[in-house]
Each structure stands twice: as C-alpha cells, then as structure tokens.
C-alpha cells in the first residue's frame, strides 16, 4: 500500500461517488425540460406537479454532485502533480472551457430554474430549465473530451523536458475515442434517469398512490427506454470496435484473451471464467467458438490482439476489467428485455396492470448507476498501466514527494465525510420520493412575498412538508 496505490484508490473512490450524481442530473435536467414543455402545451397541472417533484430531487442531486467534484481538482495538485505539470498545457485549457461554458451557463440559470417559477413567466422558466439541461450536456462534453484525450492522445507535441504541448486543438478535443465516449456516456446518463423515473412510477403504482403522475412517469420511461437502450447497444458495439483499433490491450483484457487464435478458427467468446494473471490463462473457462470474432471484428474468423503479445508490465489488471464488463453487458441485456416487454405491454394496454412488470422496473431502478460504475472501471482500469495511453505511466504521474501516510489519512477522512454527507443526502432524497408528487402551490408573487436570498438546497423547502420538516 504505497503512495501510488493509495492515490489511485483515493481518486477512484472520489470519482465513483462523483460520477453518479452528474450522470443522474444530466438526464434529469432534460426530463424536467420535457415536463415543463408538456405543461406549457397542455396546461395540465399533473405535469406541473411532476416537474416540481423532480425539481426538488434535481436540486439535492446537483448539490451532492458539486460537493463530490470539488475534491477531485485538489487531488491533481496534491497526488498527481507530475501529471498536472506534464499534461497541464492540454488538460488545463480543456477543463477551463468547461468552466467558462457549462458552469457559467448553469450558474446563471440554475437560480431561475429553482426559485424563479413564482417570479418569471412560464416560458422564461422553461427557457431557464433548457439552459440548465444544455449546461449539463456541455459540461459532459468537455470532461469527456479531456478524459478521452488521455485514452487516445493526438494533436500534441512533446518538449525535451517531457511536457505535452498542444499542436492542433481540433485534434485534441475531437480525438479518436471522443465521439464514442460522448455518445455512450450521454445515453448511459439518460437511461439511468429513465430507469429511476420509471422505477419510482412503478413503485407508486404497486402501492396504489399518486396513480396519475405515476402512470405518466412510467409511460414516458417505457417509450424512452424502447429507443435509447437499443441505441446504447449499437453505440457500445461501435465503441468496442474503436477500442480494438486504438487500445487493443484493453480489449484483450476485456475478453481475457491470452493466446493468439489459430488460423481460420476465429476468437471464442469467453462467457465465464476466472482470469489467472499469474498463470496467463482463464480458470473454469466457458467459451463459445467464433462468437468473439463475430462480435469484436464483425467477421467469421477475425482475430484481436492477445495479452501475451505485450510485456507483463504493460498489461492491465485483467480480472476487474473482465468482470466489470460482463456486469455492464449483463445489466444492458436485462434493460433490453425490460424495455421490449414494457413496450409490448404498453401497446397491449397492460402496462399498468402487470404487477410482475412493475416489480421488474422497481428491481432495475438503480441498475443504471451500477452499469455506469462498471463501464467506468472497464475504461479506467483497462488503460493501466498508463495514465496517458502509451505515453505516460501512472507510476510516473504520481507526486514524488507525497507520503503514503498522508494519502491514507486523507482517504479515511474522505470516507468518513462522504459517508455522513452523502448518507444524509440520500436519506433526504428517499424522504422526498416517499412523499411523492403533491399539488403545486403557486405561492406569492415577487411583490407579495419575501425577497431574501436562498441557497440551492433550500428548494426542498419551497413546498411545505410537515413530515420532512419534522424529520429534519
């Protein structure tokens, strides 16, 4: 447990918490914009009730995402000073673009979105909601551009002192893996929100409460899942082909492919096995002949790079990559099954009566979060031992003066603080969900009510709730 390993664990711990909330709010902001648009078009108060119900959840989730993200920026200076020094000329400006475009856009319209519904017109409030949704997407654009460049770097030059300098910003931003990562992550965020919205609606229907809002939530979730889940599978396939071209060792780890294929035999698909990195084989392996070639190369007898083709020190940890990928794909197949079943039930007008299907939605409600984490582990562990693929090793990027004891102390402190902060935040979110959508109170106008400034998380107080206030 040296400083390098502890720094990796610490950053992985923080990122694992952080990625969940932005992914959820990216999709949730778009869902809010849709609900607001439906209300403006129909003047149906049920859509307004749904909007303000999810707005409260968005506000808490957005705040938790900001809190968890602040810590990461400090770690670049404390734990990964060499990475910041050598790649800062490229990563720094890209991250600055995220602040100048997305963060400022969100900060400008977030207050109007959270508290302006009593002070501005409905159309202006809808516009503010759309701008926040756009801001979350732009933020994802720049973050994934920076991360993708570290996986497939191009458009750079390396100075004699080892620092990276931009040579072509267009090539840097739109590096080879970026379009696939952006599409894959955007769909993952939307599907994650879709499953939560549908799962909450299904839960209400099972209990026989908030029936009309629940039906609309579940109906829209079904329609959205029927489109996005198959699209995600297609994008995932294209992303896999891109990985095979630019990060072949990662693909070999994903498939636990140790030996070169015999001529004409193709690559088998390892359905199950326990990768044995020391012995360079898979124990208890179950595989399907040629299916790997069909999926990975779209040919009958195509081959991919095997793990033995690279030195041991250049291979990623195989087992976590292998199992994480199968968790992600397995959940994706369950999502596809649920989407198809739900679409058929909706067409047959049996969606809301099938208790088995409603329980399926509740069971899968948080599967999007698990899939995002599994996919992230595949991407980040799979590129090891490189922090900038093929150019800068993770062991070379860690701060040379950081001590293991200090990293361990901060890691324990993070774990304790995160347990308290996020435990309280998630508990409050559960309380909001249990309360459910309530009829929206338009409240006083700007010249009739109080004018004192409000904090973002106070949006939960916008609607009187005796149960929540007593609990707090």
Protein backbone atom coordinates (compact mmCIF):
# COMPACT_ATOMS: atom_id res chain seq x y z
CA UNK A 1 0.00 0.00 0.00
CA UNK A 2 2.41 2.67 -1.23
CA UNK A 3 1.56 6.26 -2.14
CA UNK A 4 0.85 5.30 -5.77
CA UNK A 5 -1.71 2.61 -4.95
CA UNK A 6 -3.33 4.70 -2.21
CA UNK A 7 -3.56 7.70 -4.57
CA UNK A 8 -5.23 5.53 -7.18
CA UNK A 9 -7.68 4.15 -4.60
CA UNK A 10 -8.44 7.65 -3.33
CA UNK A 11 -9.09 9.08 -6.78
CA UNK A 12 -11.16 6.04 -7.75
CA UNK A 13 -13.19 6.37 -4.55
CA UNK A 14 -13.95 10.05 -5.15
CA UNK A 15 -14.73 9.59 -8.85
CA UNK A 16 -17.03 6.65 -8.11
CA UNK A 17 -19.13 8.88 -5.88
CA UNK A 18 -18.96 11.89 -8.15
CA UNK A 19 -19.86 10.28 -11.47
CA UNK A 20 -23.21 9.01 -10.18
CA UNK A 21 -24.73 12.41 -9.43
CA UNK A 22 -23.74 14.30 -12.62
CA UNK A 23 -24.86 11.32 -14.71
CA UNK A 24 -28.24 11.41 -12.96
CA UNK A 25 -28.67 15.19 -13.20
CA UNK A 26 -27.73 15.23 -16.91
CA UNK A 27 -30.71 13.07 -17.70
CA UNK A 28 -32.91 14.60 -15.02
CA UNK A 29 -32.45 18.14 -16.37
CA UNK A 30 -33.69 17.02 -19.77
CA UNK A 31 -36.63 15.20 -18.15
CA UNK A 32 -37.52 18.43 -16.31
CA UNK A 33 -37.41 20.37 -19.56
CA UNK A 34 -39.76 17.83 -21.13
CA UNK A 35 -42.21 18.02 -18.21
CA UNK A 36 -42.22 21.80 -18.32
CA UNK A 37 -42.81 21.76 -22.07
CA UNK A 38 -45.72 19.37 -21.64
CA UNK A 39 -47.30 21.64 -19.05
CA UNK A 40 -46.97 24.71 -21.28
CA UNK A 41 -48.50 22.81 -24.20
CA UNK A 42 -51.37 21.17 -22.29
CA UNK A 43 -51.82 23.33 -19.15
CA UNK A 44 -52.33 20.04 -17.34
CA UNK A 45 -51.43 20.53 -13.66
CA UNK A 46 -50.31 16.92 -13.32
CA UNK A 47 -47.26 17.71 -15.46
CA UNK A 48 -46.52 20.69 -13.22
CA UNK A 49 -46.73 18.51 -10.13
CA UNK A 50 -44.35 16.01 -11.72
CA UNK A 51 -41.98 18.83 -12.68
CA UNK A 52 -41.70 20.28 -9.19
CA UNK A 53 -41.41 16.84 -7.61
CA UNK A 54 -38.36 16.01 -9.72
CA UNK A 55 -37.03 19.56 -9.42
CA UNK A 56 -36.55 19.05 -5.69
CA UNK A 57 -34.70 15.81 -6.34
CA UNK A 58 -32.60 17.52 -9.02
CA UNK A 59 -31.57 20.29 -6.62
CA UNK A 60 -30.31 17.88 -3.97
CA UNK A 61 -28.55 15.65 -6.51
CA UNK A 62 -26.95 18.66 -8.21
CA UNK A 63 -25.62 19.91 -4.88
CA UNK A 64 -24.18 16.50 -4.00
CA UNK A 65 -22.52 16.33 -7.40
CA UNK A 66 -20.85 19.70 -6.93
CA UNK A 67 -19.59 18.76 -3.46
CA UNK A 68 -18.11 15.48 -4.66
CA UNK A 69 -16.49 17.10 -7.69
CA UNK A 70 -14.62 19.84 -5.85
CA UNK A 71 -12.33 17.33 -4.15
CA UNK A 72 -11.02 15.90 -7.43
CA UNK A 73 -9.45 19.16 -8.57
CA UNK A 74 -7.30 19.30 -5.43
CA UNK A 75 -6.01 15.78 -6.00
CA UNK A 76 -4.47 16.79 -9.31
CA UNK A 77 -2.16 19.09 -7.39
CA UNK A 78 -1.58 17.01 -4.26
CA UNK A 79 -1.42 13.43 -5.54
CA UNK A 80 -0.83 13.79 -9.29
CA UNK A 81 1.50 16.77 -9.56
CA UNK A 82 3.62 15.22 -12.33
CA UNK A 83 0.53 14.63 -14.48
CA UNK A 84 -0.54 18.24 -13.93
CA UNK A 85 2.94 19.50 -14.75
CA UNK A 86 3.43 17.45 -17.90
CA UNK A 87 -0.10 17.48 -19.34
CA UNK A 88 -1.41 20.70 -17.82
CA UNK A 89 -0.92 22.64 -21.06
CA UNK A 90 -3.59 20.46 -22.66
CA UNK A 91 -5.84 19.32 -19.82
CA UNK A 92 -5.90 22.72 -18.12
CA UNK A 93 -7.42 24.69 -21.03
CA UNK A 94 -9.94 21.93 -21.79
CA UNK A 95 -11.14 21.94 -18.18
CA UNK A 96 -11.23 25.75 -18.27
CA UNK A 97 -13.53 25.61 -21.29
CA UNK A 98 -15.89 23.50 -19.19
CA UNK A 99 -15.97 26.22 -16.52
CA UNK A 100 -16.34 29.09 -19.00
CA UNK A 101 -19.17 27.47 -20.95
CA UNK A 102 -21.07 24.90 -18.91
CA UNK A 103 -20.54 26.07 -15.34
CA UNK A 104 -21.31 29.72 -16.04
CA UNK A 105 -24.40 28.73 -18.05
CA UNK A 106 -25.66 26.51 -15.25
CA UNK A 107 -24.88 29.08 -12.57
CA UNK A 108 -26.71 31.80 -14.49
CA UNK A 109 -29.96 29.90 -14.97
CA UNK A 110 -29.99 27.49 -12.02
CA UNK A 111 -31.40 30.09 -9.62
CA UNK A 112 -34.15 31.00 -12.08
CA UNK A 113 -34.95 27.32 -12.55
CA UNK A 114 -35.09 26.55 -8.82
CA UNK A 115 -36.77 29.70 -7.50
CA UNK A 116 -37.99 31.71 -10.48
CA UNK A 117 -41.26 29.91 -11.14
CA UNK A 118 -43.08 32.47 -8.96
CA UNK A 119 -41.26 35.46 -10.39
CA UNK A 120 -40.87 34.94 -14.15
CA UNK A 121 -43.19 33.80 -16.92
CA UNK A 122 -43.73 30.13 -17.65
CA UNK A 123 -41.86 30.41 -20.94
CA UNK A 124 -38.91 32.11 -19.27
CA UNK A 125 -38.87 29.41 -16.62
CA UNK A 126 -38.93 26.77 -19.36
CA UNK A 127 -36.05 28.53 -21.11
CA UNK A 128 -34.03 28.55 -17.87
CA UNK A 129 -34.67 24.82 -17.44
CA UNK A 130 -33.50 24.17 -21.01
CA UNK A 131 -30.33 26.21 -20.40
CA UNK A 132 -29.50 24.19 -17.28
CA UNK A 133 -30.05 20.99 -19.28
CA UNK A 134 -27.79 22.33 -22.03
CA UNK A 135 -25.19 23.29 -19.44
CA UNK A 136 -25.06 19.78 -18.02
CA UNK A 137 -24.52 18.38 -21.52
CA UNK A 138 -21.77 20.89 -22.35
CA UNK A 139 -20.06 20.02 -19.07
CA UNK A 140 -20.10 16.36 -20.03
CA UNK A 141 -18.72 17.30 -23.46
CA UNK A 142 -15.56 18.93 -22.08
CA UNK A 143 -14.95 16.45 -19.27
CA UNK A 144 -15.17 13.51 -21.66
CA UNK A 145 -13.01 15.29 -24.20
CA UNK A 146 -10.22 15.64 -21.63
CA UNK A 147 -10.62 12.06 -20.45
CA UNK A 148 -10.78 10.70 -24.00
CA UNK A 149 -7.59 12.51 -24.94
CA UNK A 150 -5.83 10.65 -22.13
CA UNK A 151 -7.04 7.39 -23.71
CA UNK A 152 -6.38 8.25 -27.36
CA UNK A 153 -3.97 11.21 -27.36
CA UNK A 154 -3.36 13.15 -30.56
CA UNK A 155 -2.75 16.74 -31.67
CA UNK A 156 0.20 17.23 -29.28
CA UNK A 157 3.96 17.66 -29.27
CA UNK A 158 6.34 16.63 -26.51
CA UNK A 159 9.02 19.09 -25.41
CA UNK A 160 12.53 17.93 -24.40
CA UNK A 161 11.53 18.23 -20.74
CA UNK A 162 8.67 15.75 -21.28
CA UNK A 163 5.79 18.21 -21.15
CA UNK A 164 2.91 17.97 -23.62
CA UNK A 165 2.06 20.99 -25.74
CA UNK A 166 -0.98 21.50 -27.98
CA UNK A 167 -0.32 21.38 -31.72
CA UNK A 168 -3.90 21.01 -33.01
CA UNK A 169 -6.79 21.82 -30.68
CA UNK A 170 -9.33 20.37 -33.06
CA UNK A 171 -7.49 17.03 -32.97
CA UNK A 172 -7.14 17.24 -29.19
CA UNK A 173 -10.81 17.90 -28.49
CA UNK A 174 -12.18 15.53 -31.15
CA UNK A 175 -9.69 12.74 -30.53
CA UNK A 176 -10.44 9.27 -31.96
CA UNK A 177 -12.36 7.85 -28.99
CA UNK A 178 -14.23 11.03 -28.02
CA UNK A 179 -17.36 10.71 -30.22
CA UNK A 180 -17.95 7.16 -28.99
CA UNK A 181 -17.36 8.02 -25.33
CA UNK A 182 -19.61 11.08 -25.53
CA UNK A 183 -22.45 9.13 -27.15
CA UNK A 184 -22.01 6.18 -24.82
CA UNK A 185 -21.98 8.33 -21.67
CA UNK A 186 -24.85 10.57 -22.78
CA UNK A 187 -27.07 7.56 -23.44
CA UNK A 188 -25.97 6.00 -20.15
CA UNK A 189 -26.97 9.16 -18.28
CA UNK A 190 -30.35 9.34 -20.00
CA UNK A 191 -31.05 5.64 -19.44
CA UNK A 192 -30.06 5.91 -15.77
CA UNK A 193 -32.55 8.73 -15.23
CA UNK A 194 -35.16 6.89 -17.29
CA UNK A 195 -34.89 3.83 -15.07
CA UNK A 196 -35.15 5.88 -11.88
CA UNK A 197 -38.20 7.79 -13.15
CA UNK A 198 -39.86 4.59 -14.34
CA UNK A 199 -38.93 2.72 -11.16
CA UNK A 200 -40.40 5.44 -8.94
CA UNK A 201 -43.59 5.44 -11.01
CA UNK A 202 -43.81 1.65 -10.84
CA UNK A 203 -43.36 1.78 -7.08
CA UNK A 204 -46.24 4.22 -6.70
CA UNK A 205 -48.48 2.04 -8.87
CA UNK A 206 -47.66 -1.04 -6.80
CA UNK A 207 -48.72 0.86 -3.68
CA UNK A 208 -51.74 2.44 -5.37
CA UNK A 209 -50.64 6.03 -4.62
CA UNK A 210 -50.03 9.04 -6.89
CA UNK A 211 -51.59 6.95 -9.64
CA UNK A 212 -51.95 9.55 -12.41
CA UNK A 213 -48.42 11.05 -12.09
CA UNK A 214 -47.02 7.53 -11.75
CA UNK A 215 -48.68 6.38 -14.97
CA UNK A 216 -47.22 9.30 -16.89
CA UNK A 217 -43.74 8.75 -15.45
CA UNK A 218 -43.77 5.05 -16.30
CA UNK A 219 -45.30 5.54 -19.76
CA UNK A 220 -42.65 8.08 -20.77
CA UNK A 221 -39.89 5.92 -19.25
CA UNK A 222 -41.05 2.94 -21.32
CA UNK A 223 -41.14 4.95 -24.55
CA UNK A 224 -37.72 6.43 -23.86
CA UNK A 225 -36.16 3.09 -22.88
CA UNK A 226 -37.53 1.46 -26.04
CA UNK A 227 -35.49 3.96 -28.07
CA UNK A 228 -32.35 4.54 -26.01
CA UNK A 229 -31.50 1.03 -24.81
CA UNK A 230 -31.16 -0.43 -28.34
CA UNK A 231 -29.29 2.73 -29.38
CA UNK A 232 -26.90 2.23 -26.46
CA UNK A 233 -26.18 -1.34 -27.55
CA UNK A 234 -25.38 -0.12 -31.06
CA UNK A 235 -23.11 2.66 -29.75
CA UNK A 236 -21.44 0.21 -27.39
CA UNK A 237 -20.64 -2.07 -30.33
CA UNK A 238 -19.09 0.82 -32.27
CA UNK A 239 -17.17 1.87 -29.18
CA UNK A 240 -15.81 -1.66 -28.87
CA UNK A 241 -14.50 -1.55 -32.45
CA UNK A 242 -12.80 1.76 -31.62
CA UNK A 243 -11.18 0.24 -28.53
CA UNK A 244 -9.91 -2.66 -30.61
CA UNK A 245 -8.27 -0.20 -33.02
CA UNK A 246 -6.71 2.26 -30.56
CA UNK A 247 -6.42 0.28 -27.29
CA UNK A 248 -6.04 -3.37 -28.30
CA UNK A 249 -4.53 -4.41 -24.97
CA UNK A 250 -7.60 -3.12 -23.15
CA UNK A 251 -9.84 -5.15 -25.46
CA UNK A 252 -7.73 -8.23 -24.80
CA UNK A 253 -8.22 -7.69 -21.06
CA UNK A 254 -11.98 -7.20 -21.52
CA UNK A 255 -12.17 -10.57 -23.25
CA UNK A 256 -9.41 -12.22 -21.15
CA UNK A 257 -7.86 -13.25 -24.48
CA UNK A 258 -4.43 -14.70 -23.69
CA UNK A 259 -3.45 -16.77 -26.73
CA UNK A 260 -3.45 -15.89 -30.44
CA UNK A 261 -6.22 -17.53 -32.41
CA UNK A 262 -5.33 -20.40 -34.69
CA UNK A 263 -5.59 -19.50 -38.41
CA UNK A 264 -9.19 -19.80 -39.52
CA UNK A 265 -10.58 -20.64 -36.07
CA UNK A 266 -11.54 -17.15 -35.00
CA UNK A 267 -11.76 -15.79 -31.46
CA UNK A 268 -14.09 -17.53 -28.98
CA UNK A 269 -16.29 -15.52 -26.64
CA UNK A 270 -15.46 -16.24 -23.02
CA UNK A 271 -18.87 -16.33 -21.32
CA UNK A 272 -17.41 -17.16 -17.93
CA UNK A 273 -14.01 -17.73 -16.46
CA UNK A 274 -11.68 -16.59 -13.71
CA UNK A 275 -8.67 -14.81 -15.23
CA UNK A 276 -5.43 -16.07 -13.72
CA UNK A 277 -2.94 -13.30 -14.46
CA UNK A 278 -0.03 -15.12 -12.85
CA UNK A 279 -0.52 -18.28 -14.94
CA UNK A 280 -1.68 -16.32 -18.01
CA UNK A 281 -4.87 -18.30 -18.52
CA UNK A 282 -8.54 -18.46 -17.55
CA UNK A 283 -9.62 -20.97 -14.92
CA UNK A 284 -13.05 -22.66 -15.20
CA UNK A 285 -13.46 -21.15 -18.64
CA UNK A 286 -16.72 -21.43 -20.58
CA UNK A 287 -16.48 -20.13 -24.13
CA UNK A 288 -18.42 -20.11 -27.40
CA UNK A 289 -16.28 -20.70 -30.53
CA UNK A 290 -16.07 -17.88 -33.11
CA UNK A 291 -18.63 -15.67 -31.37
CA UNK A 292 -15.85 -13.37 -30.18
CA UNK A 293 -14.76 -12.77 -33.79
CA UNK A 294 -18.32 -12.01 -34.87
CA UNK A 295 -18.87 -9.50 -32.06
CA UNK A 296 -15.41 -7.94 -31.88
CA UNK A 297 -14.42 -7.83 -35.55
CA UNK A 298 -17.74 -8.42 -37.36
CA UNK A 299 -16.08 -11.25 -39.28
CA UNK A 300 -16.26 -15.06 -39.04
CA UNK A 301 -12.57 -15.68 -38.35
CA UNK A 302 -11.18 -12.29 -37.30
CA UNK A 303 -8.54 -12.04 -34.57
CA UNK A 304 -7.73 -9.47 -31.89
CA UNK A 305 -4.51 -8.78 -30.05
CA UNK A 306 -3.82 -11.26 -27.27
CA UNK A 307 -2.43 -10.41 -23.84
CA UNK A 308 0.75 -12.44 -24.32
CA UNK A 309 1.67 -10.21 -27.25
CA UNK A 310 2.60 -7.42 -24.81
CA UNK A 311 5.01 -7.42 -21.89
CA UNK A 312 3.59 -8.28 -18.48
CA UNK A 313 4.32 -4.81 -17.15
CA UNK A 314 2.20 -3.31 -19.95
CA UNK A 315 -0.93 -5.36 -19.19
CA UNK A 316 -3.82 -4.01 -17.13
CA UNK A 317 -5.31 -5.96 -14.22
CA UNK A 318 -7.41 -8.45 -16.17
CA UNK A 319 -9.91 -9.74 -13.62
CA UNK A 320 -11.58 -6.43 -12.65
CA UNK A 321 -11.82 -5.38 -16.30
CA UNK A 322 -13.18 -8.77 -17.37
CA UNK A 323 -15.88 -8.95 -14.66
CA UNK A 324 -16.86 -5.26 -14.77
CA UNK A 325 -17.52 -5.52 -18.49
CA UNK A 326 -19.76 -8.53 -18.01
CA UNK A 327 -21.71 -6.80 -15.27
CA UNK A 328 -22.30 -3.86 -17.59
CA UNK A 329 -23.33 -6.03 -20.53
CA UNK A 330 -25.48 -8.32 -18.39
CA UNK A 331 -27.43 -5.37 -16.99
CA UNK A 332 -27.74 -3.97 -20.51
CA UNK A 333 -29.36 -7.19 -21.68
CA UNK A 334 -31.80 -7.06 -18.76
CA UNK A 335 -32.63 -3.46 -19.68
CA UNK A 336 -33.29 -4.52 -23.26
CA UNK A 337 -35.56 -7.34 -22.08
CA UNK A 338 -37.46 -4.97 -19.78
CA UNK A 339 -37.79 -2.31 -22.48
CA UNK A 340 -39.14 -4.82 -25.02
CA UNK A 341 -41.54 -6.39 -22.52
CA UNK A 342 -42.75 -2.96 -21.37
CA UNK A 343 -43.24 -1.66 -24.91
CA UNK A 344 -45.31 -4.75 -25.77
CA UNK A 345 -47.38 -4.34 -22.58
CA UNK A 346 -47.92 -0.65 -23.34
CA UNK A 347 -49.07 -1.50 -26.86
CA UNK A 348 -51.46 -4.12 -25.45
CA UNK A 349 -52.62 -1.62 -22.78
CA UNK A 350 -51.49 -3.92 -19.98
CA UNK A 351 -48.51 -1.93 -18.71
CA UNK A 352 -50.10 -0.63 -15.52
CA UNK A 353 -51.85 -3.90 -14.60
CA UNK A 354 -48.85 -6.24 -14.82
CA UNK A 355 -47.51 -6.39 -11.27
CA UNK A 356 -44.63 -8.61 -12.39
CA UNK A 357 -43.52 -5.94 -14.86
CA UNK A 358 -43.92 -3.19 -12.28
CA UNK A 359 -41.73 -5.18 -9.87
CA UNK A 360 -39.20 -5.62 -12.68
CA UNK A 361 -38.99 -1.84 -13.05
CA UNK A 362 -38.52 -1.40 -9.32
CA UNK A 363 -35.82 -4.06 -9.29
CA UNK A 364 -33.96 -2.35 -12.16
CA UNK A 365 -34.40 1.17 -10.81
CA UNK A 366 -30.76 1.61 -9.79
CA UNK A 367 -29.18 -0.67 -12.39
CA UNK A 368 -28.13 2.34 -14.48
CA UNK A 369 -25.84 3.54 -11.70
CA UNK A 370 -24.25 0.11 -11.40
CA UNK A 371 -23.74 -0.04 -15.17
CA UNK A 372 -22.10 3.39 -15.22
CA UNK A 373 -19.66 2.39 -12.48
CA UNK A 374 -18.90 -0.92 -14.17
CA UNK A 375 -18.30 0.80 -17.51
CA UNK A 376 -16.11 3.42 -15.88
CA UNK A 377 -13.99 0.73 -14.22
CA UNK A 378 -13.58 -1.02 -17.56
CA UNK A 379 -12.40 2.21 -19.17
CA UNK A 380 -10.06 3.40 -16.43
CA UNK A 381 -8.62 0.13 -15.13
CA UNK A 382 -8.35 -1.15 -18.67
CA UNK A 383 -5.95 1.60 -19.73
CA UNK A 384 -3.47 0.77 -16.96
CA UNK A 385 -0.55 0.99 -16.52
CA UNK A 386 -0.92 4.23 -18.50
CA UNK A 387 -2.45 7.47 -17.36
CA UNK A 388 -1.89 8.91 -20.86
CA UNK A 389 -2.15 5.85 -23.02
CA UNK A 390 1.20 4.70 -24.36
CA UNK A 391 2.97 7.91 -23.30
CA UNK A 392 2.91 8.43 -19.54
CA UNK A 393 2.68 5.67 -16.96
CA UNK A 394 0.54 6.05 -13.87
CA UNK A 395 3.59 5.33 -11.74
CA UNK A 396 5.37 8.28 -13.38
CA UNK A 397 2.44 10.67 -12.87
CA UNK A 398 2.14 10.45 -9.09
CA UNK A 399 3.56 13.26 -6.94
CA UNK A 400 7.11 12.25 -5.97
CA UNK A 401 7.01 13.85 -2.51
CA UNK A 402 3.58 12.64 -1.38
CA UNK A 403 3.76 10.17 1.51
CA UNK A 404 1.64 7.07 1.90
CA UNK A 405 0.62 8.04 5.43
CA UNK A 406 -0.80 11.39 4.33
CA UNK A 407 -2.71 9.82 1.45
CA UNK A 408 -4.12 7.14 3.76
CA UNK A 409 -5.17 9.76 6.31
CA UNK A 410 -6.97 11.85 3.70
CA UNK A 411 -8.58 8.73 2.22
CA UNK A 412 -10.01 7.75 5.60
CA UNK A 413 -11.17 11.34 6.15
CA UNK A 414 -12.88 11.37 2.75
CA UNK A 415 -14.60 8.08 3.51
CA UNK A 416 -15.96 9.37 6.83
CA UNK A 417 -17.08 12.74 5.45
CA UNK A 418 -18.63 11.19 2.35
CA UNK A 419 -20.49 8.65 4.47
CA UNK A 420 -22.01 11.47 6.54
CA UNK A 421 -22.72 13.94 3.73
CA UNK A 422 -23.94 11.50 1.13
CA UNK A 423 -25.72 9.37 3.67
CA UNK A 424 -27.72 12.41 4.79
CA UNK A 425 -28.29 13.50 1.19
CA UNK A 426 -29.52 10.11 0.04
CA UNK A 427 -31.72 9.80 3.14
CA UNK A 428 -33.32 13.13 2.28
CA UNK A 429 -33.84 12.05 -1.33
CA UNK A 430 -35.59 8.91 -0.12
CA UNK A 431 -37.87 11.06 2.04
CA UNK A 432 -38.76 13.20 -0.96
CA UNK A 433 -39.54 10.15 -3.08
CA UNK A 434 -41.70 8.64 -0.35
CA UNK A 435 -43.68 11.87 -0.14
CA UNK A 436 -44.21 11.85 -3.90
CA UNK A 437 -45.68 14.48 -6.22
CA UNK A 438 -48.00 16.92 -4.46
CA UNK A 439 -50.25 19.59 -5.98
CA UNK A 440 -48.10 22.60 -6.72
CA UNK A 441 -48.79 25.77 -4.73
CA UNK A 442 -48.18 28.80 -6.93
CA UNK A 443 -47.35 30.86 -3.80
CA UNK A 444 -46.85 34.62 -3.57
CA UNK A 445 -45.62 36.74 -6.42
CA UNK A 446 -42.37 38.66 -6.27
CA UNK A 447 -44.03 41.79 -4.87
CA UNK A 448 -46.12 39.86 -2.32
CA UNK A 449 -43.63 37.52 -0.71
CA UNK A 450 -40.19 37.55 0.82
CA UNK A 451 -37.14 38.58 -1.19
CA UNK A 452 -34.30 37.16 0.92
CA UNK A 453 -31.62 35.22 -1.00
CA UNK A 454 -31.93 31.45 -0.96
CA UNK A 455 -29.42 28.64 -1.13
CA UNK A 456 -29.87 25.94 -3.83
CA UNK A 457 -30.67 23.14 -1.40
CA UNK A 458 -33.49 25.22 0.11
CA UNK A 459 -35.59 24.28 -2.92
CA UNK A 460 -36.75 21.39 -0.78
CA UNK A 461 -38.46 23.94 1.46
CA UNK A 462 -40.38 25.54 -1.38
CA UNK A 463 -43.32 23.23 -0.75
CA UNK A 464 -44.50 22.80 2.86
CA UNK A 465 -43.97 19.27 4.02
CA UNK A 466 -44.67 18.63 7.70
CA UNK A 467 -43.26 15.11 7.64
CA UNK A 468 -39.95 16.16 6.12
CA UNK A 469 -39.63 19.21 8.34
CA UNK A 470 -40.22 17.10 11.46
CA UNK A 471 -37.65 14.56 10.28
CA UNK A 472 -35.14 17.34 9.69
